[in-house]
């Protein structure tokens, strides 16, 4: 059981690292990404739960392209649902209380 959860977490991390710059960042966050993720730095060590939730929104679309047996996919979906419940239950530990997006070029945020 622990091995399968470890494999799922490695897979989620891999999907996150690959998908983040291509489909999970807002337009203004992409410039920030290129400054924050340099060299061998993994995006999953820089970006947090707010961005991870964006992956979970896209995951059904991404998994549609994976060659996975129906039973395996059902088990995976249940484990991912359990993980989302865990995040919800522990949201104060994983999510920022407020999100400040990237600043505009004049140094002010969108709502400043």
Protein backbone atom coordinates (compact mmCIF):
# COMPACT_ATOMS: atom_id res chain seq x y z
CA UNK A 1 0.00 0.00 0.00
CA UNK A 2 2.74 2.47 0.98
CA UNK A 3 4.63 1.66 -2.23
CA UNK A 4 1.59 2.43 -4.38
CA UNK A 5 1.00 5.75 -2.60
CA UNK A 6 4.66 6.62 -3.04
CA UNK A 7 4.39 5.87 -6.76
CA UNK A 8 1.25 8.00 -7.03
CA UNK A 9 2.96 10.91 -5.29
CA UNK A 10 6.00 10.61 -7.57
CA UNK A 11 3.64 10.61 -10.56
CA UNK A 12 1.76 13.68 -9.32
CA UNK A 13 5.06 15.46 -8.76
CA UNK A 14 6.24 14.55 -12.26
CA UNK A 15 2.97 15.73 -13.83
CA UNK A 16 3.16 18.94 -11.76
CA UNK A 17 6.75 19.70 -12.76
CA UNK A 18 6.02 19.14 -16.45
CA UNK A 19 2.60 20.82 -16.55
CA UNK A 20 3.34 23.88 -14.40
CA UNK A 21 5.17 26.05 -16.94
CA UNK A 22 3.01 24.93 -19.85
CA UNK A 23 -0.55 24.94 -18.50
CA UNK A 24 -0.81 25.77 -14.79
CA UNK A 25 0.60 29.29 -14.58
CA UNK A 26 -1.30 32.46 -15.31
CA UNK A 27 0.26 34.67 -17.95
CA UNK A 28 1.82 37.07 -15.44
CA UNK A 29 3.21 34.18 -13.38
CA UNK A 30 5.31 32.83 -16.24
CA UNK A 31 7.88 35.61 -15.94
CA UNK A 32 8.13 34.89 -12.21
CA UNK A 33 8.59 31.18 -12.99
CA UNK A 34 11.69 31.81 -15.11
CA UNK A 35 13.26 33.73 -12.21
CA UNK A 36 12.28 31.20 -9.51
CA UNK A 37 13.08 27.93 -11.26
CA UNK A 38 16.71 27.95 -12.32
CA UNK A 39 19.08 25.09 -13.12
CA UNK A 40 18.09 21.77 -11.62
CA UNK A 41 15.44 23.26 -9.30
CA UNK A 42 12.21 21.30 -9.41
CA UNK A 43 9.07 23.48 -9.72
CA UNK A 44 7.41 21.32 -7.06
CA UNK A 45 9.97 22.58 -4.53
CA UNK A 46 9.12 26.21 -5.32
CA UNK A 47 5.37 26.28 -5.94
CA UNK A 48 2.78 25.26 -3.36
CA UNK A 49 -0.68 23.88 -2.86
CA UNK A 50 -2.45 26.69 -4.71
CA UNK A 51 -0.70 25.66 -7.91
CA UNK A 52 -1.11 21.97 -7.14
CA UNK A 53 -4.89 22.43 -7.13
CA UNK A 54 -4.64 23.80 -10.67
CA UNK A 55 -3.07 20.46 -11.64
CA UNK A 56 -5.95 18.55 -10.06
CA UNK A 57 -8.36 20.52 -12.24
CA UNK A 58 -6.42 19.49 -15.36
CA UNK A 59 -5.62 15.94 -14.24
CA UNK A 60 -8.68 14.21 -15.72
CA UNK A 61 -7.78 15.68 -19.11
CA UNK A 62 -4.15 14.58 -18.75
CA UNK A 63 -4.99 11.09 -17.52
CA UNK A 64 -7.23 10.55 -20.53
CA UNK A 65 -4.02 10.26 -22.56
CA UNK A 66 -2.38 7.80 -20.16
CA UNK A 67 -2.49 4.12 -20.99
CA UNK A 68 -3.98 2.92 -17.68
CA UNK A 69 -6.31 0.01 -17.00
CA UNK A 70 -9.80 0.93 -15.78
CA UNK A 71 -9.35 -0.66 -12.34
CA UNK A 72 -6.01 1.06 -11.85
CA UNK A 73 -7.51 4.39 -12.90
CA UNK A 74 -10.39 3.95 -10.44
CA UNK A 75 -7.94 3.21 -7.60
CA UNK A 76 -5.82 6.20 -8.61
CA UNK A 77 -8.85 8.50 -8.63
CA UNK A 78 -9.79 7.34 -5.12
CA UNK A 79 -6.28 7.99 -3.80
CA UNK A 80 -6.26 11.44 -5.40
CA UNK A 81 -9.65 12.19 -3.88
CA UNK A 82 -8.29 11.12 -0.48
CA UNK A 83 -5.36 13.48 -1.02
CA UNK A 84 -7.69 16.37 -1.86
CA UNK A 85 -9.68 15.66 1.32
CA UNK A 86 -6.41 15.71 3.27
CA UNK A 87 -5.51 19.10 1.77
CA UNK A 88 -8.95 20.45 2.60
CA UNK A 89 -8.75 19.19 6.19
CA UNK A 90 -5.27 20.69 6.62
CA UNK A 91 -5.66 23.77 4.47
CA UNK A 92 -4.26 26.17 7.06
CA UNK A 93 -0.95 24.29 6.92
CA UNK A 94 -0.67 24.15 3.12
CA UNK A 95 -2.39 27.24 1.72
CA UNK A 96 -1.57 30.90 2.09
CA UNK A 97 -4.20 32.94 3.89
CA UNK A 98 -4.01 35.44 1.03
CA UNK A 99 -2.48 35.19 -2.41
CA UNK A 100 -0.46 38.02 -3.89
CA UNK A 101 0.04 37.59 -7.58
CA UNK A 102 3.06 38.86 -9.46
CA UNK A 103 3.54 42.59 -9.57
CA UNK A 104 3.06 44.61 -12.74
CA UNK A 105 6.15 46.14 -14.28
CA UNK A 106 5.54 49.37 -12.32
CA UNK A 107 5.84 47.45 -9.04
CA UNK A 108 2.16 47.47 -8.24
CA UNK A 109 -0.13 44.50 -8.10
CA UNK A 110 -3.24 44.24 -10.24
CA UNK A 111 -5.49 45.70 -7.55
CA UNK A 112 -3.11 48.39 -6.23
